[in-house]
């Protein structure tokens, strides 16, 4: 298993969740 790939996926998902939270907070 490539830990770097897992970390990248976590970062992408985390950024997406943060983006959604920010978008919801602005409304």
PDB file of N, CA and C in Angstrom:
ATOM      1  N   UNK A   1       0.850  -1.204   0.000  1.00  0.00           N
ATOM      2  CA  UNK A   1       0.000   0.000   0.000  1.00  0.00           C
ATOM      3  C   UNK A   1       0.885   1.254   0.000  1.00  0.00           C
ATOM      4  N   UNK A   2       0.481   2.238  -0.764  1.00  0.00           N
ATOM      5  CA  UNK A   2       1.244   3.477  -0.829  1.00  0.00           C
ATOM      6  C   UNK A   2       0.626   4.498   0.122  1.00  0.00           C
ATOM      7  N   UNK A   3       1.341   4.804   1.178  1.00  0.00           N
ATOM      8  CA  UNK A   3       0.801   5.734   2.168  1.00  0.00           C
ATOM      9  C   UNK A   3       0.643   7.126   1.575  1.00  0.00           C
ATOM     10  N   UNK A   4       1.516   7.485   0.625  1.00  0.00           N
ATOM     11  CA  UNK A   4       1.433   8.822   0.029  1.00  0.00           C
ATOM     12  C   UNK A   4       0.113   8.996  -0.704  1.00  0.00           C
ATOM     13  N   UNK A   5      -0.343   7.952  -1.390  1.00  0.00           N
ATOM     14  CA  UNK A   5      -1.609   8.035  -2.125  1.00  0.00           C
ATOM     15  C   UNK A   5      -2.766   8.221  -1.150  1.00  0.00           C
ATOM     16  N   UNK A   6      -2.701   7.507  -0.020  1.00  0.00           N
ATOM     17  CA  UNK A   6      -3.760   7.622   0.984  1.00  0.00           C
ATOM     18  C   UNK A   6      -3.789   9.044   1.548  1.00  0.00           C
ATOM     19  N   UNK A   7      -2.614   9.574   1.836  1.00  0.00           N
ATOM     20  CA  UNK A   7      -2.527  10.929   2.393  1.00  0.00           C
ATOM     21  C   UNK A   7      -3.102  11.936   1.415  1.00  0.00           C
ATOM     22  N   UNK A   8      -2.775  11.771   0.130  1.00  0.00           N
ATOM     23  CA  UNK A   8      -3.296  12.695  -0.883  1.00  0.00           C
ATOM     24  C   UNK A   8      -4.819  12.632  -0.927  1.00  0.00           C
ATOM     25  N   UNK A   9      -5.374  11.418  -0.856  1.00  0.00           N
ATOM     26  CA  UNK A   9      -6.832  11.269  -0.883  1.00  0.00           C
ATOM     27  C   UNK A   9      -7.453  11.956   0.327  1.00  0.00           C
ATOM     28  N   UNK A  10      -6.840  11.780   1.491  1.00  0.00           N
ATOM     29  CA  UNK A  10      -7.376  12.392   2.713  1.00  0.00           C
ATOM     30  C   UNK A  10      -7.356  13.911   2.596  1.00  0.00           C
ATOM     31  N   UNK A  11      -6.266  14.444   2.035  1.00  0.00           N
ATOM     32  CA  UNK A  11      -6.143  15.902   1.888  1.00  0.00           C
ATOM     33  C   UNK A  11      -7.207  16.434   0.941  1.00  0.00           C
ATOM     34  N   UNK A  12      -7.424  15.718  -0.178  1.00  0.00           N
ATOM     35  CA  UNK A  12      -8.427  16.147  -1.162  1.00  0.00           C
ATOM     36  C   UNK A  12      -9.822  16.118  -0.545  1.00  0.00           C
ATOM     37  N   UNK A  13     -10.147  15.015   0.143  1.00  0.00           N
ATOM     38  CA  UNK A  13     -11.466  14.895   0.775  1.00  0.00           C
ATOM     39  C   UNK A  13     -11.630  15.959   1.856  1.00  0.00           C
ATOM     40  N   UNK A  14     -10.573  16.170   2.635  1.00  0.00           N
ATOM     41  CA  UNK A  14     -10.625  17.173   3.691  1.00  0.00           C
ATOM     42  C   UNK A  14     -10.857  18.563   3.123  1.00  0.00           C
ATOM     43  N   UNK A  15     -10.184  18.871   2.008  1.00  0.00           N
ATOM     44  CA  UNK A  15     -10.350  20.180   1.367  1.00  0.00           C
ATOM     45  C   UNK A  15     -11.777  20.330   0.858  1.00  0.00           C
ATOM     46  N   UNK A  16     -12.340  19.248   0.330  1.00  0.00           N
ATOM     47  CA  UNK A  16     -13.712  19.290  -0.181  1.00  0.00           C
ATOM     48  C   UNK A  16     -14.697  19.560   0.940  1.00  0.00           C
ATOM     49  N   UNK A  17     -14.491  18.886   2.075  1.00  0.00           N
ATOM     50  CA  UNK A  17     -15.387  19.087   3.219  1.00  0.00           C
ATOM     51  C   UNK A  17     -15.257  20.519   3.737  1.00  0.00           C
ATOM     52  N   UNK A  18     -14.024  21.009   3.797  1.00  0.00           N
ATOM     53  CA  UNK A  18     -13.791  22.375   4.270  1.00  0.00           C
ATOM     54  C   UNK A  18     -14.464  23.367   3.329  1.00  0.00           C
ATOM     55  N   UNK A  19     -14.404  23.088   2.030  1.00  0.00           N
ATOM     56  CA  UNK A  19     -15.036  23.969   1.043  1.00  0.00           C
ATOM     57  C   UNK A  19     -16.542  23.999   1.223  1.00  0.00           C
ATOM     58  N   UNK A  20     -17.129  22.821   1.456  1.00  0.00           N
ATOM     59  CA  UNK A  20     -18.582  22.752   1.655  1.00  0.00           C
ATOM     60  C   UNK A  20     -18.974  23.505   2.924  1.00  0.00           C
ATOM     61  N   UNK A  21     -18.206  23.316   3.984  1.00  0.00           N
ATOM     62  CA  UNK A  21     -18.509  23.983   5.247  1.00  0.00           C
ATOM     63  C   UNK A  21     -18.432  25.495   5.069  1.00  0.00           C
ATOM     64  N   UNK A  22     -17.427  25.956   4.317  1.00  0.00           N
ATOM     65  CA  UNK A  22     -17.274  27.396   4.077  1.00  0.00           C
ATOM     66  C   UNK A  22     -18.435  27.925   3.246  1.00  0.00           C
ATOM     67  N   UNK A  23     -18.815  27.178   2.204  1.00  0.00           N
ATOM     68  CA  UNK A  23     -19.917  27.603   1.332  1.00  0.00           C
ATOM     69  C   UNK A  23     -21.220  27.687   2.128  1.00  0.00           C
ATOM     70  N   UNK A  24     -21.450  26.688   2.989  1.00  0.00           N
ATOM     71  CA  UNK A  24     -22.678  26.692   3.790  1.00  0.00           C
ATOM     72  C   UNK A  24     -22.646  27.838   4.798  1.00  0.00           C
ATOM     73  N   UNK A  25     -21.461  28.140   5.305  1.00  0.00           N
ATOM     74  CA  UNK A  25     -21.339  29.205   6.290  1.00  0.00           C
ATOM     75  C   UNK A  25     -21.600  30.578   5.685  1.00  0.00           C
ATOM     76  N   UNK A  26     -21.311  30.731   4.386  1.00  0.00           N
ATOM     77  CA  UNK A  26     -21.502  32.031   3.735  1.00  0.00           C
ATOM     78  C   UNK A  26     -22.973  32.303   3.449  1.00  0.00           C
ATOM     79  N   UNK A  27     -23.772  31.257   3.349  1.00  0.00           N
ATOM     80  CA  UNK A  27     -25.185  31.451   3.013  1.00  0.00           C
ATOM     81  C   UNK A  27     -26.007  31.830   4.247  1.00  0.00           C
TER      82      UNK A  27
END
